[in-house]
Amino acid sequence: MSMGNLVGYAAWFAGVCLGVAMLLAGWRMIRGPAAEDRVLGLDALYVNGLAILLVFGIRVASGAWFEVALLIALFGFTGSVALAKFLLRGEVIEP
């Protein structure tokens, strides 16, 4: 078994595991009994999506996917902060 073949199998396995994690996070986002659970599901969903993009970037050996993952991380963090602020205070932009 060559090293390139091993990396391919590891990337495939990681992609499957992250896909299952995304399904479970989506389930929590849809079914969550409280708003906090839904926000946590959304956070887990974007982090797992980011990880899938990184695994795909490693598999195809392209740096463009890492830049896309960085953008998703920035927008996901901003969205998480806005949702947390909304849940705590009821408004995102303070007068």
Protein backbone atom coordinates (compact mmCIF):
# COMPACT_ATOMS: atom_id res chain seq x y z
CA MET A 1 0.00 0.00 0.00
CA SER A 2 1.54 3.29 -1.08
CA MET A 3 1.33 6.50 0.91
CA GLY A 4 -0.80 8.27 -1.73
CA ASN A 5 -3.30 5.43 -1.64
CA LEU A 6 -3.43 5.60 2.15
CA VAL A 7 -4.13 9.36 2.07
CA GLY A 8 -6.93 8.74 -0.41
CA TYR A 9 -8.58 6.17 1.86
CA ALA A 10 -8.17 8.42 4.89
CA ALA A 11 -9.71 11.37 3.04
CA TRP A 12 -12.63 9.20 1.91
CA PHE A 13 -13.21 7.93 5.46
CA ALA A 14 -12.95 11.44 6.92
CA GLY A 15 -15.44 12.72 4.33
CA VAL A 16 -17.95 10.00 5.23
CA CYS A 17 -17.56 10.67 8.97
CA LEU A 18 -17.95 14.41 8.46
CA GLY A 19 -21.00 13.83 6.26
CA VAL A 20 -22.65 11.81 9.03
CA ALA A 21 -21.76 14.57 11.50
CA MET A 22 -23.37 17.13 9.18
CA LEU A 23 -26.55 15.06 9.03
CA LEU A 24 -26.69 14.85 12.81
CA ALA A 25 -26.02 18.59 13.18
CA GLY A 26 -28.74 19.33 10.64
CA TRP A 27 -31.11 17.14 12.61
CA ARG A 28 -30.29 19.09 15.78
CA MET A 29 -30.77 22.36 13.93
CA ILE A 30 -34.22 21.32 12.70
CA ARG A 31 -35.46 19.42 15.77
CA GLY A 32 -33.68 21.30 18.57
CA PRO A 33 -36.11 21.91 21.41
CA ALA A 34 -34.66 25.36 22.20
CA ALA A 35 -33.26 28.19 20.11
CA GLU A 36 -29.84 27.66 21.69
CA ASP A 37 -29.82 24.05 20.45
CA ARG A 38 -30.62 25.24 16.94
CA VAL A 39 -27.78 27.76 17.01
CA LEU A 40 -25.41 25.07 18.27
CA GLY A 41 -26.57 22.78 15.44
CA LEU A 42 -25.92 25.54 12.92
CA ASP A 43 -22.43 26.11 14.34
CA ALA A 44 -21.64 22.40 14.14
CA LEU A 45 -23.03 22.31 10.60
CA TYR A 46 -20.77 25.06 9.29
CA VAL A 47 -17.70 23.70 11.10
CA ASN A 48 -18.27 20.26 9.59
CA GLY A 49 -18.85 21.81 6.16
CA LEU A 50 -15.59 23.68 6.56
CA ALA A 51 -13.80 20.44 7.48
CA ILE A 52 -15.25 18.66 4.45
CA LEU A 53 -13.90 21.42 2.21
CA LEU A 54 -10.47 21.08 3.81
CA VAL A 55 -10.49 17.30 3.32
CA PHE A 56 -11.53 17.78 -0.31
CA GLY A 57 -8.76 20.35 -0.78
CA ILE A 58 -6.23 17.85 0.55
CA ARG A 59 -7.62 15.11 -1.69
CA VAL A 60 -7.42 17.15 -4.91
CA ALA A 61 -4.24 19.03 -3.82
CA SER A 62 -5.68 22.46 -4.52
CA GLY A 63 -5.13 25.54 -2.38
CA ALA A 64 -8.31 27.28 -3.55
CA TRP A 65 -10.45 25.14 -1.26
CA PHE A 66 -8.52 26.36 1.77
CA GLU A 67 -9.39 29.97 0.91
CA VAL A 68 -13.06 29.06 0.55
CA ALA A 69 -12.92 27.32 3.93
CA LEU A 70 -11.41 30.45 5.47
CA LEU A 71 -14.27 32.57 4.11
CA ILE A 72 -16.83 30.12 5.50
CA ALA A 73 -15.10 30.27 8.89
CA LEU A 74 -15.22 34.08 8.92
CA PHE A 75 -18.89 34.27 7.92
CA GLY A 76 -19.83 31.43 10.28
CA PHE A 77 -18.17 33.11 13.24
CA THR A 78 -19.84 36.43 12.46
CA GLY A 79 -23.21 34.71 12.17
CA SER A 80 -22.70 32.88 15.44
CA VAL A 81 -21.87 36.10 17.26
CA ALA A 82 -24.92 37.84 15.77
CA LEU A 83 -27.24 34.97 16.72
CA ALA A 84 -25.84 34.80 20.24
CA LYS A 85 -26.30 38.54 20.66
CA PHE A 86 -29.84 38.28 19.36
CA LEU A 87 -30.68 35.45 21.76
CA LEU A 88 -29.24 37.36 24.73
CA ARG A 89 -30.60 40.86 24.05
CA GLY A 90 -33.32 40.49 21.45
CA GLU A 91 -31.53 42.78 18.98
CA VAL A 92 -28.35 42.61 16.98
CA ILE A 93 -27.65 46.31 16.37
CA GLU A 94 -27.84 48.45 19.47
CA PRO A 95 -29.13 52.02 19.20
